[in-house]
């Protein structure tokens, strides 16, 4: 008989890693999967939540009222990195540990960011559509090789983008609150201010966490500093960019284009960005490769059994 109940509202938890499920099974855990869509409409959700010792969270939000219905909950663990969807104060007030798996999906997100850059430069998405519609002619693109890339946030993902850019002999500008002297020297990154990057870069890739201090940090005044030939790529969090200002500048063709994997409100049911032909949009898919999801699941499973054994998870989020 299972000793513990692990509730997962992440549909990909254990899907790409049988090892993760095996780790939990050995610990005596019963895994209950509930899809995130229509989560609170399911009659069995609160019943499972009342029994749950661990909650594995995907893209859904975790509210204080949820935690009030979960008297046995010891751990909320994000199937990924960002924990801005979790009410950290409510968790702290109830003595619930919050954890994540940072860095495990860094390569997959960096791949997507760089893929967006190439797609914007060479109009790959629009060229595909036009060719299917019968067009056969010149599609004029822009260069990536030798151009200037600005990276906002030099965490593992930002550094991954820089490593990829080094193969294209790009001039790299980096912004971060922390100095990364050795890395900057190795990859010839020039530390720069936000203003310098926005005004000098041909491509700007955003990799900032969503905090109170970073909400809409890429505001209208910064966006207006961008060159009319420049592109913005955001694979971090939608809330770090002023979406209204970005839409206005894109619509007026005051900047060349953008690629957005994230939005301030997700899913973006009727986003005005969908109307623009100089924007590539995606459904927050940066972390989702089979390899990354498998690695994340295994790290989460290890953290879960640690917490159930009275230890700290591999990566704890401080909630005070």
C-alpha atoms as a PDB file:
ATOM      1  CA  UNK A   1       0.000   0.000   0.000  1.00  0.00           C
ATOM      2  CA  UNK A   2       1.323   3.436  -0.965  1.00  0.00           C
ATOM      3  CA  UNK A   3       2.624   5.581   1.872  1.00  0.00           C
ATOM      4  CA  UNK A   4       2.567   8.853  -0.038  1.00  0.00           C
ATOM      5  CA  UNK A   5       0.455  10.501  -2.727  1.00  0.00           C
ATOM      6  CA  UNK A   6       2.203  12.534  -5.412  1.00  0.00           C
ATOM      7  CA  UNK A   7      -0.181  14.716  -7.402  1.00  0.00           C
ATOM      8  CA  UNK A   8       1.050  15.888 -10.812  1.00  0.00           C
ATOM      9  CA  UNK A   9      -0.642  18.560 -12.897  1.00  0.00           C
ATOM     10  CA  UNK A  10       2.252  18.459 -15.354  1.00  0.00           C
ATOM     11  CA  UNK A  11       1.222  16.187 -18.241  1.00  0.00           C
ATOM     12  CA  UNK A  12       4.839  15.371 -19.135  1.00  0.00           C
ATOM     13  CA  UNK A  13       6.038  14.365 -15.672  1.00  0.00           C
ATOM     14  CA  UNK A  14       7.449  10.801 -15.986  1.00  0.00           C
ATOM     15  CA  UNK A  15       6.261  10.596 -19.627  1.00  0.00           C
ATOM     16  CA  UNK A  16       9.799  10.728 -21.007  1.00  0.00           C
ATOM     17  CA  UNK A  17      11.517   9.030 -18.086  1.00  0.00           C
ATOM     18  CA  UNK A  18      10.424   5.642 -16.755  1.00  0.00           C
ATOM     19  CA  UNK A  19      13.256   6.035 -14.238  1.00  0.00           C
ATOM     20  CA  UNK A  20      11.439   8.902 -12.530  1.00  0.00           C
ATOM     21  CA  UNK A  21       8.339   6.773 -12.017  1.00  0.00           C
ATOM     22  CA  UNK A  22      10.523   3.939 -10.716  1.00  0.00           C
ATOM     23  CA  UNK A  23      12.196   6.195  -8.164  1.00  0.00           C
ATOM     24  CA  UNK A  24       8.815   7.198  -6.762  1.00  0.00           C
ATOM     25  CA  UNK A  25       7.469   3.659  -6.781  1.00  0.00           C
ATOM     26  CA  UNK A  26      10.431   2.407  -4.737  1.00  0.00           C
ATOM     27  CA  UNK A  27       9.709   5.086  -2.154  1.00  0.00           C
ATOM     28  CA  UNK A  28       6.099   3.889  -1.840  1.00  0.00           C
ATOM     29  CA  UNK A  29       4.502   6.759  -3.730  1.00  0.00           C
ATOM     30  CA  UNK A  30       1.197   6.685  -5.536  1.00  0.00           C
ATOM     31  CA  UNK A  31       1.313   8.971  -8.575  1.00  0.00           C
ATOM     32  CA  UNK A  32      -1.944  10.689  -9.549  1.00  0.00           C
ATOM     33  CA  UNK A  33      -1.935  12.565 -12.858  1.00  0.00           C
ATOM     34  CA  UNK A  34      -4.521  15.301 -13.418  1.00  0.00           C
ATOM     35  CA  UNK A  35      -4.359  17.362 -16.629  1.00  0.00           C
ATOM     36  CA  UNK A  36      -3.929  21.125 -16.146  1.00  0.00           C
ATOM     37  CA  UNK A  37      -6.806  22.024 -18.495  1.00  0.00           C
ATOM     38  CA  UNK A  38     -10.029  22.340 -16.561  1.00  0.00           C
ATOM     39  CA  UNK A  39      -8.095  21.521 -13.401  1.00  0.00           C
ATOM     40  CA  UNK A  40     -10.498  23.015 -10.878  1.00  0.00           C
ATOM     41  CA  UNK A  41     -13.590  21.763 -12.690  1.00  0.00           C
ATOM     42  CA  UNK A  42     -12.653  18.160 -11.930  1.00  0.00           C
ATOM     43  CA  UNK A  43     -14.560  16.810  -8.958  1.00  0.00           C
ATOM     44  CA  UNK A  44     -11.682  14.599  -7.925  1.00  0.00           C
ATOM     45  CA  UNK A  45      -9.101  17.405  -7.855  1.00  0.00           C
ATOM     46  CA  UNK A  46      -9.765  18.621  -4.321  1.00  0.00           C
ATOM     47  CA  UNK A  47     -10.128  15.079  -3.070  1.00  0.00           C
ATOM     48  CA  UNK A  48      -6.682  14.185  -4.401  1.00  0.00           C
ATOM     49  CA  UNK A  49      -5.254  17.495  -3.213  1.00  0.00           C
ATOM     50  CA  UNK A  50      -6.504  16.729   0.302  1.00  0.00           C
ATOM     51  CA  UNK A  51      -4.483  13.485   0.261  1.00  0.00           C
ATOM     52  CA  UNK A  52      -1.410  14.787  -1.566  1.00  0.00           C
ATOM     53  CA  UNK A  53       1.989  14.921   0.118  1.00  0.00           C
ATOM     54  CA  UNK A  54       3.680  16.338  -2.993  1.00  0.00           C
ATOM     55  CA  UNK A  55       2.371  18.495  -5.844  1.00  0.00           C
ATOM     56  CA  UNK A  56       4.279  18.473  -9.140  1.00  0.00           C
ATOM     57  CA  UNK A  57       3.275  21.671 -10.946  1.00  0.00           C
ATOM     58  CA  UNK A  58       3.346  22.305 -14.698  1.00  0.00           C
ATOM     59  CA  UNK A  59       2.044  25.473 -16.333  1.00  0.00           C
ATOM     60  CA  UNK A  60      -0.909  25.840 -13.967  1.00  0.00           C
ATOM     61  CA  UNK A  61      -1.061  28.305 -11.100  1.00  0.00           C
ATOM     62  CA  UNK A  62      -1.031  27.371  -7.421  1.00  0.00           C
ATOM     63  CA  UNK A  63      -3.253  29.597  -5.286  1.00  0.00           C
ATOM     64  CA  UNK A  64      -3.478  30.073  -1.532  1.00  0.00           C
ATOM     65  CA  UNK A  65      -6.961  28.496  -1.558  1.00  0.00           C
ATOM     66  CA  UNK A  66      -5.475  25.327  -3.046  1.00  0.00           C
ATOM     67  CA  UNK A  67      -3.035  25.041  -0.179  1.00  0.00           C
ATOM     68  CA  UNK A  68      -5.826  25.461   2.362  1.00  0.00           C
ATOM     69  CA  UNK A  69      -7.348  22.283   0.910  1.00  0.00           C
ATOM     70  CA  UNK A  70      -4.064  20.351   1.201  1.00  0.00           C
ATOM     71  CA  UNK A  71      -3.347  19.609   4.875  1.00  0.00           C
ATOM     72  CA  UNK A  72      -0.768  16.899   4.123  1.00  0.00           C
ATOM     73  CA  UNK A  73       1.232  18.802   1.521  1.00  0.00           C
ATOM     74  CA  UNK A  74       4.963  18.868   2.236  1.00  0.00           C
ATOM     75  CA  UNK A  75       6.369  19.900  -1.131  1.00  0.00           C
ATOM     76  CA  UNK A  76       5.373  21.868  -4.228  1.00  0.00           C
ATOM     77  CA  UNK A  77       7.868  21.207  -6.997  1.00  0.00           C
ATOM     78  CA  UNK A  78       7.919  22.876 -10.409  1.00  0.00           C
ATOM     79  CA  UNK A  79       8.423  20.657 -13.431  1.00  0.00           C
ATOM     80  CA  UNK A  80      10.872  23.194 -14.814  1.00  0.00           C
ATOM     81  CA  UNK A  81      12.441  26.385 -13.499  1.00  0.00           C
ATOM     82  CA  UNK A  82      10.108  29.368 -13.122  1.00  0.00           C
ATOM     83  CA  UNK A  83       8.074  29.448  -9.906  1.00  0.00           C
ATOM     84  CA  UNK A  84       6.232  32.729 -10.524  1.00  0.00           C
ATOM     85  CA  UNK A  85       2.986  30.732 -10.946  1.00  0.00           C
ATOM     86  CA  UNK A  86       3.166  29.526  -7.329  1.00  0.00           C
ATOM     87  CA  UNK A  87       1.961  31.586  -4.360  1.00  0.00           C
ATOM     88  CA  UNK A  88       5.261  31.447  -2.488  1.00  0.00           C
ATOM     89  CA  UNK A  89       4.038  33.473   0.495  1.00  0.00           C
ATOM     90  CA  UNK A  90       1.089  31.161   1.043  1.00  0.00           C
ATOM     91  CA  UNK A  91       3.391  28.144   0.822  1.00  0.00           C
ATOM     92  CA  UNK A  92       5.805  29.646   3.342  1.00  0.00           C
ATOM     93  CA  UNK A  93       2.960  30.465   5.717  1.00  0.00           C
ATOM     94  CA  UNK A  94       1.919  26.804   5.721  1.00  0.00           C
ATOM     95  CA  UNK A  95       5.477  25.478   6.013  1.00  0.00           C
ATOM     96  CA  UNK A  96       5.406  23.899   2.551  1.00  0.00           C
ATOM     97  CA  UNK A  97       8.743  23.548   0.778  1.00  0.00           C
ATOM     98  CA  UNK A  98       8.926  24.850  -2.804  1.00  0.00           C
ATOM     99  CA  UNK A  99      11.521  23.487  -5.222  1.00  0.00           C
ATOM    100  CA  UNK A 100      12.362  23.360  -8.922  1.00  0.00           C
ATOM    101  CA  UNK A 101      14.894  21.911 -11.362  1.00  0.00           C
ATOM    102  CA  UNK A 102      17.013  24.799 -12.620  1.00  0.00           C
ATOM    103  CA  UNK A 103      19.351  24.389 -15.560  1.00  0.00           C
ATOM    104  CA  UNK A 104      18.064  21.052 -16.821  1.00  0.00           C
ATOM    105  CA  UNK A 105      16.222  22.638 -19.732  1.00  0.00           C
ATOM    106  CA  UNK A 106      18.814  25.353 -20.434  1.00  0.00           C
ATOM    107  CA  UNK A 107      20.034  23.797 -23.668  1.00  0.00           C
ATOM    108  CA  UNK A 108      16.544  23.235 -25.047  1.00  0.00           C
ATOM    109  CA  UNK A 109      15.533  26.868 -24.414  1.00  0.00           C
ATOM    110  CA  UNK A 110      18.826  28.166 -25.809  1.00  0.00           C
ATOM    111  CA  UNK A 111      18.287  26.052 -28.931  1.00  0.00           C
ATOM    112  CA  UNK A 112      14.835  27.554 -29.421  1.00  0.00           C
ATOM    113  CA  UNK A 113      16.066  31.124 -28.881  1.00  0.00           C
ATOM    114  CA  UNK A 114      18.770  30.667 -31.483  1.00  0.00           C
ATOM    115  CA  UNK A 115      16.318  28.938 -33.806  1.00  0.00           C
ATOM    116  CA  UNK A 116      14.023  31.947 -33.499  1.00  0.00           C
ATOM    117  CA  UNK A 117      16.923  34.214 -34.406  1.00  0.00           C
ATOM    118  CA  UNK A 118      17.639  32.306 -37.606  1.00  0.00           C
ATOM    119  CA  UNK A 119      13.935  32.078 -38.445  1.00  0.00           C
ATOM    120  CA  UNK A 120      13.444  35.828 -38.066  1.00  0.00           C
ATOM    121  CA  UNK A 121      16.575  36.658 -40.036  1.00  0.00           C
ATOM    122  CA  UNK A 122      15.768  34.363 -42.957  1.00  0.00           C
ATOM    123  CA  UNK A 123      11.947  34.649 -42.832  1.00  0.00           C
ATOM    124  CA  UNK A 124      11.708  30.862 -42.608  1.00  0.00           C
ATOM    125  CA  UNK A 125       8.142  30.731 -41.275  1.00  0.00           C
ATOM    126  CA  UNK A 126       6.680  33.142 -43.817  1.00  0.00           C
ATOM    127  CA  UNK A 127       8.711  31.595 -46.662  1.00  0.00           C
ATOM    128  CA  UNK A 128       7.244  28.190 -45.838  1.00  0.00           C
ATOM    129  CA  UNK A 129       3.690  29.544 -45.889  1.00  0.00           C
ATOM    130  CA  UNK A 130       4.181  31.536 -49.095  1.00  0.00           C
ATOM    131  CA  UNK A 131       5.758  28.589 -50.906  1.00  0.00           C
ATOM    132  CA  UNK A 132       2.843  26.336 -49.918  1.00  0.00           C
ATOM    133  CA  UNK A 133       0.523  29.052 -51.288  1.00  0.00           C
ATOM    134  CA  UNK A 134       2.260  28.916 -54.675  1.00  0.00           C
ATOM    135  CA  UNK A 135       4.913  31.614 -54.410  1.00  0.00           C
ATOM    136  CA  UNK A 136       8.244  30.973 -56.073  1.00  0.00           C
ATOM    137  CA  UNK A 137      10.632  33.914 -55.970  1.00  0.00           C
ATOM    138  CA  UNK A 138      13.225  35.770 -53.935  1.00  0.00           C
ATOM    139  CA  UNK A 139      12.843  35.907 -50.167  1.00  0.00           C
ATOM    140  CA  UNK A 140      15.355  38.478 -48.983  1.00  0.00           C
ATOM    141  CA  UNK A 141      16.746  37.793 -45.514  1.00  0.00           C
ATOM    142  CA  UNK A 142      19.183  39.377 -43.100  1.00  0.00           C
ATOM    143  CA  UNK A 143      22.554  38.124 -41.929  1.00  0.00           C
ATOM    144  CA  UNK A 144      23.193  36.532 -38.562  1.00  0.00           C
ATOM    145  CA  UNK A 145      26.892  35.781 -39.033  1.00  0.00           C
ATOM    146  CA  UNK A 146      29.018  38.662 -37.764  1.00  0.00           C
ATOM    147  CA  UNK A 147      26.073  40.680 -36.440  1.00  0.00           C
ATOM    148  CA  UNK A 148      25.614  42.025 -32.896  1.00  0.00           C
ATOM    149  CA  UNK A 149      23.679  39.977 -30.362  1.00  0.00           C
ATOM    150  CA  UNK A 150      22.494  41.409 -27.050  1.00  0.00           C
ATOM    151  CA  UNK A 151      21.717  38.877 -24.314  1.00  0.00           C
ATOM    152  CA  UNK A 152      19.679  40.049 -21.329  1.00  0.00           C
ATOM    153  CA  UNK A 153      20.392  37.717 -18.433  1.00  0.00           C
ATOM    154  CA  UNK A 154      23.530  35.590 -18.280  1.00  0.00           C
ATOM    155  CA  UNK A 155      22.169  32.571 -16.463  1.00  0.00           C
ATOM    156  CA  UNK A 156      22.572  29.104 -17.919  1.00  0.00           C
ATOM    157  CA  UNK A 157      20.185  29.784 -20.798  1.00  0.00           C
ATOM    158  CA  UNK A 158      21.697  33.138 -21.698  1.00  0.00           C
ATOM    159  CA  UNK A 159      25.161  31.617 -21.623  1.00  0.00           C
ATOM    160  CA  UNK A 160      23.925  28.792 -23.827  1.00  0.00           C
ATOM    161  CA  UNK A 161      22.730  31.282 -26.433  1.00  0.00           C
ATOM    162  CA  UNK A 162      26.107  33.021 -26.311  1.00  0.00           C
ATOM    163  CA  UNK A 163      27.946  29.734 -26.845  1.00  0.00           C
ATOM    164  CA  UNK A 164      25.853  29.090 -29.931  1.00  0.00           C
ATOM    165  CA  UNK A 165      26.370  32.643 -31.178  1.00  0.00           C
ATOM    166  CA  UNK A 166      30.133  32.288 -30.890  1.00  0.00           C
ATOM    167  CA  UNK A 167      29.997  29.797 -33.772  1.00  0.00           C
ATOM    168  CA  UNK A 168      28.463  32.547 -35.906  1.00  0.00           C
ATOM    169  CA  UNK A 169      31.248  34.969 -34.993  1.00  0.00           C
ATOM    170  CA  UNK A 170      28.729  37.410 -33.545  1.00  0.00           C
ATOM    171  CA  UNK A 171      29.640  40.493 -31.560  1.00  0.00           C
ATOM    172  CA  UNK A 172      28.090  39.835 -28.165  1.00  0.00           C
ATOM    173  CA  UNK A 173      26.799  42.292 -25.586  1.00  0.00           C
ATOM    174  CA  UNK A 174      25.663  40.940 -22.206  1.00  0.00           C
ATOM    175  CA  UNK A 175      23.547  42.386 -19.414  1.00  0.00           C
ATOM    176  CA  UNK A 176      23.290  40.877 -15.950  1.00  0.00           C
ATOM    177  CA  UNK A 177      23.242  42.116 -12.359  1.00  0.00           C
ATOM    178  CA  UNK A 178      26.068  39.701 -11.606  1.00  0.00           C
ATOM    179  CA  UNK A 179      29.485  39.853 -13.245  1.00  0.00           C
ATOM    180  CA  UNK A 180      30.617  36.749 -15.122  1.00  0.00           C
ATOM    181  CA  UNK A 181      34.181  37.831 -15.779  1.00  0.00           C
ATOM    182  CA  UNK A 182      35.685  34.479 -16.754  1.00  0.00           C
ATOM    183  CA  UNK A 183      32.804  33.557 -19.062  1.00  0.00           C
ATOM    184  CA  UNK A 184      32.742  37.045 -20.606  1.00  0.00           C
ATOM    185  CA  UNK A 185      36.462  36.852 -21.309  1.00  0.00           C
ATOM    186  CA  UNK A 186      36.257  33.355 -22.800  1.00  0.00           C
ATOM    187  CA  UNK A 187      33.388  34.224 -25.154  1.00  0.00           C
ATOM    188  CA  UNK A 188      34.367  37.841 -25.779  1.00  0.00           C
ATOM    189  CA  UNK A 189      31.208  39.260 -24.217  1.00  0.00           C
ATOM    190  CA  UNK A 190      31.165  42.994 -23.592  1.00  0.00           C
ATOM    191  CA  UNK A 191      29.233  43.855 -20.439  1.00  0.00           C
ATOM    192  CA  UNK A 192      26.684  46.508 -21.327  1.00  0.00           C
ATOM    193  CA  UNK A 193      23.706  48.381 -19.915  1.00  0.00           C
ATOM    194  CA  UNK A 194      20.159  47.736 -21.032  1.00  0.00           C
ATOM    195  CA  UNK A 195      20.204  51.023 -22.908  1.00  0.00           C
ATOM    196  CA  UNK A 196      23.397  50.129 -24.769  1.00  0.00           C
ATOM    197  CA  UNK A 197      22.098  46.728 -25.790  1.00  0.00           C
ATOM    198  CA  UNK A 198      18.727  47.992 -26.961  1.00  0.00           C
ATOM    199  CA  UNK A 199      20.321  50.687 -29.100  1.00  0.00           C
ATOM    200  CA  UNK A 200      23.274  48.710 -30.515  1.00  0.00           C
ATOM    201  CA  UNK A 201      22.162  45.094 -31.002  1.00  0.00           C
ATOM    202  CA  UNK A 202      20.807  43.586 -34.211  1.00  0.00           C
ATOM    203  CA  UNK A 203      19.241  40.736 -32.215  1.00  0.00           C
ATOM    204  CA  UNK A 204      18.158  40.910 -28.567  1.00  0.00           C
ATOM    205  CA  UNK A 205      17.486  37.685 -26.667  1.00  0.00           C
ATOM    206  CA  UNK A 206      15.695  38.009 -23.308  1.00  0.00           C
ATOM    207  CA  UNK A 207      16.505  35.562 -20.498  1.00  0.00           C
ATOM    208  CA  UNK A 208      15.403  37.378 -17.341  1.00  0.00           C
ATOM    209  CA  UNK A 209      13.336  35.888 -14.492  1.00  0.00           C
ATOM    210  CA  UNK A 210       9.962  37.445 -13.722  1.00  0.00           C
ATOM    211  CA  UNK A 211      10.296  39.256 -10.403  1.00  0.00           C
ATOM    212  CA  UNK A 212       8.764  42.431  -9.031  1.00  0.00           C
ATOM    213  CA  UNK A 213      11.981  44.194 -10.018  1.00  0.00           C
ATOM    214  CA  UNK A 214      11.887  42.869 -13.601  1.00  0.00           C
ATOM    215  CA  UNK A 215       8.183  43.255 -14.401  1.00  0.00           C
ATOM    216  CA  UNK A 216       7.976  45.236 -17.654  1.00  0.00           C
ATOM    217  CA  UNK A 217      11.668  46.065 -17.301  1.00  0.00           C
ATOM    218  CA  UNK A 218      11.842  46.133 -21.108  1.00  0.00           C
ATOM    219  CA  UNK A 219       9.520  49.136 -21.266  1.00  0.00           C
ATOM    220  CA  UNK A 220       8.510  51.508 -24.028  1.00  0.00           C
ATOM    221  CA  UNK A 221      11.491  53.812 -23.534  1.00  0.00           C
ATOM    222  CA  UNK A 222      13.909  50.895 -23.988  1.00  0.00           C
ATOM    223  CA  UNK A 223      12.018  49.384 -26.916  1.00  0.00           C
ATOM    224  CA  UNK A 224      12.059  52.731 -28.675  1.00  0.00           C
ATOM    225  CA  UNK A 225      15.858  52.656 -28.577  1.00  0.00           C
ATOM    226  CA  UNK A 226      15.943  49.581 -30.832  1.00  0.00           C
ATOM    227  CA  UNK A 227      17.100  49.924 -34.408  1.00  0.00           C
ATOM    228  CA  UNK A 228      14.386  49.654 -37.072  1.00  0.00           C
ATOM    229  CA  UNK A 229      16.282  46.616 -38.416  1.00  0.00           C
ATOM    230  CA  UNK A 230      16.552  44.881 -35.024  1.00  0.00           C
ATOM    231  CA  UNK A 231      14.697  41.814 -33.697  1.00  0.00           C
ATOM    232  CA  UNK A 232      13.556  40.940 -30.157  1.00  0.00           C
ATOM    233  CA  UNK A 233      13.366  37.334 -28.953  1.00  0.00           C
ATOM    234  CA  UNK A 234      11.708  36.452 -25.652  1.00  0.00           C
ATOM    235  CA  UNK A 235      11.855  32.901 -24.294  1.00  0.00           C
ATOM    236  CA  UNK A 236      11.890  33.881 -20.602  1.00  0.00           C
ATOM    237  CA  UNK A 237       8.618  35.291 -19.240  1.00  0.00           C
ATOM    238  CA  UNK A 238       6.075  37.489 -20.986  1.00  0.00           C
ATOM    239  CA  UNK A 239       5.797  39.878 -18.065  1.00  0.00           C
ATOM    240  CA  UNK A 240       9.340  41.217 -18.413  1.00  0.00           C
ATOM    241  CA  UNK A 241       8.435  42.995 -21.674  1.00  0.00           C
ATOM    242  CA  UNK A 242       5.832  45.748 -22.015  1.00  0.00           C
ATOM    243  CA  UNK A 243       3.628  43.929 -24.531  1.00  0.00           C
ATOM    244  CA  UNK A 244       1.526  46.973 -25.413  1.00  0.00           C
ATOM    245  CA  UNK A 245       4.604  48.977 -26.319  1.00  0.00           C
ATOM    246  CA  UNK A 246       6.138  46.066 -28.211  1.00  0.00           C
ATOM    247  CA  UNK A 247       2.950  45.566 -30.223  1.00  0.00           C
ATOM    248  CA  UNK A 248       2.802  49.262 -31.119  1.00  0.00           C
ATOM    249  CA  UNK A 249       6.391  49.335 -32.365  1.00  0.00           C
ATOM    250  CA  UNK A 250       5.991  46.125 -34.345  1.00  0.00           C
ATOM    251  CA  UNK A 251       2.744  47.264 -35.937  1.00  0.00           C
ATOM    252  CA  UNK A 252       4.306  50.583 -36.918  1.00  0.00           C
ATOM    253  CA  UNK A 253       7.368  48.696 -38.279  1.00  0.00           C
ATOM    254  CA  UNK A 254       9.620  50.752 -36.035  1.00  0.00           C
ATOM    255  CA  UNK A 255      11.432  47.506 -35.236  1.00  0.00           C
ATOM    256  CA  UNK A 256      11.893  44.652 -37.703  1.00  0.00           C
ATOM    257  CA  UNK A 257      10.270  41.805 -35.814  1.00  0.00           C
ATOM    258  CA  UNK A 258       9.973  39.624 -32.749  1.00  0.00           C
ATOM    259  CA  UNK A 259       9.701  36.000 -31.681  1.00  0.00           C
ATOM    260  CA  UNK A 260       7.658  35.258 -28.571  1.00  0.00           C
ATOM    261  CA  UNK A 261       7.472  31.930 -26.790  1.00  0.00           C
ATOM    262  CA  UNK A 262       5.974  33.557 -23.695  1.00  0.00           C
ATOM    263  CA  UNK A 263       3.168  36.003 -22.942  1.00  0.00           C
ATOM    264  CA  UNK A 264       2.066  38.059 -19.946  1.00  0.00           C
ATOM    265  CA  UNK A 265      -1.197  36.088 -19.905  1.00  0.00           C
ATOM    266  CA  UNK A 266      -1.043  32.450 -20.939  1.00  0.00           C
ATOM    267  CA  UNK A 267      -2.586  31.077 -22.973  1.00  0.00           C
ATOM    268  CA  UNK A 268      -2.991  34.275 -25.038  1.00  0.00           C
ATOM    269  CA  UNK A 269      -6.420  33.538 -26.496  1.00  0.00           C
ATOM    270  CA  UNK A 270      -6.818  36.682 -28.612  1.00  0.00           C
ATOM    271  CA  UNK A 271      -3.394  38.284 -28.609  1.00  0.00           C
ATOM    272  CA  UNK A 272      -2.978  41.255 -30.966  1.00  0.00           C
ATOM    273  CA  UNK A 273       0.432  39.804 -31.872  1.00  0.00           C
ATOM    274  CA  UNK A 274      -1.397  37.131 -33.873  1.00  0.00           C
ATOM    275  CA  UNK A 275      -2.404  39.818 -36.378  1.00  0.00           C
ATOM    276  CA  UNK A 276       1.183  40.820 -37.203  1.00  0.00           C
ATOM    277  CA  UNK A 277       3.217  39.236 -39.972  1.00  0.00           C
ATOM    278  CA  UNK A 278       6.556  40.278 -38.446  1.00  0.00           C
ATOM    279  CA  UNK A 279       6.081  38.183 -35.300  1.00  0.00           C
ATOM    280  CA  UNK A 280       6.684  34.476 -34.674  1.00  0.00           C
ATOM    281  CA  UNK A 281       4.607  33.085 -31.804  1.00  0.00           C
ATOM    282  CA  UNK A 282       4.884  29.770 -29.960  1.00  0.00           C
ATOM    283  CA  UNK A 283       3.058  28.121 -27.015  1.00  0.00           C
ATOM    284  CA  UNK A 284       5.741  28.430 -24.286  1.00  0.00           C
ATOM    285  CA  UNK A 285       7.537  25.401 -25.704  1.00  0.00           C
ATOM    286  CA  UNK A 286      11.161  26.283 -24.989  1.00  0.00           C
ATOM    287  CA  UNK A 287      11.744  23.683 -22.283  1.00  0.00           C
ATOM    288  CA  UNK A 288       9.960  20.886 -24.085  1.00  0.00           C
ATOM    289  CA  UNK A 289      12.330  18.434 -25.657  1.00  0.00           C
ATOM    290  CA  UNK A 290      12.253  14.753 -24.787  1.00  0.00           C
ATOM    291  CA  UNK A 291      15.766  14.861 -23.367  1.00  0.00           C
ATOM    292  CA  UNK A 292      15.142  17.919 -21.214  1.00  0.00           C
ATOM    293  CA  UNK A 293      11.816  16.666 -19.885  1.00  0.00           C
ATOM    294  CA  UNK A 294      13.340  13.307 -18.987  1.00  0.00           C
ATOM    295  CA  UNK A 295      16.191  14.942 -17.095  1.00  0.00           C
ATOM    296  CA  UNK A 296      13.841  17.315 -15.256  1.00  0.00           C
ATOM    297  CA  UNK A 297      11.558  14.436 -14.220  1.00  0.00           C
ATOM    298  CA  UNK A 298      14.433  12.436 -12.774  1.00  0.00           C
ATOM    299  CA  UNK A 299      15.741  15.398 -10.775  1.00  0.00           C
ATOM    300  CA  UNK A 300      12.232  16.089  -9.490  1.00  0.00           C
ATOM    301  CA  UNK A 301      11.777  12.465  -8.443  1.00  0.00           C
ATOM    302  CA  UNK A 302      15.083  12.558  -6.542  1.00  0.00           C
ATOM    303  CA  UNK A 303      14.028  15.772  -4.787  1.00  0.00           C
ATOM    304  CA  UNK A 304      10.655  14.288  -3.888  1.00  0.00           C
ATOM    305  CA  UNK A 305      12.133  11.228  -2.187  1.00  0.00           C
ATOM    306  CA  UNK A 306      14.625  13.460  -0.349  1.00  0.00           C
ATOM    307  CA  UNK A 307      11.851  15.618   1.088  1.00  0.00           C
ATOM    308  CA  UNK A 308       9.769  12.587   2.052  1.00  0.00           C
ATOM    309  CA  UNK A 309      12.851  11.309   3.890  1.00  0.00           C
ATOM    310  CA  UNK A 310      13.119  14.569   5.828  1.00  0.00           C
ATOM    311  CA  UNK A 311      15.887  16.137   3.738  1.00  0.00           C
ATOM    312  CA  UNK A 312      16.060  19.250   1.581  1.00  0.00           C
ATOM    313  CA  UNK A 313      15.277  18.969  -2.148  1.00  0.00           C
ATOM    314  CA  UNK A 314      18.106  19.341  -4.654  1.00  0.00           C
ATOM    315  CA  UNK A 315      17.066  22.923  -5.389  1.00  0.00           C
ATOM    316  CA  UNK A 316      14.952  24.689  -2.781  1.00  0.00           C
ATOM    317  CA  UNK A 317      13.241  28.035  -3.383  1.00  0.00           C
ATOM    318  CA  UNK A 318      13.437  30.423  -0.457  1.00  0.00           C
ATOM    319  CA  UNK A 319       9.904  31.646   0.185  1.00  0.00           C
ATOM    320  CA  UNK A 320      10.483  34.274   2.877  1.00  0.00           C
END
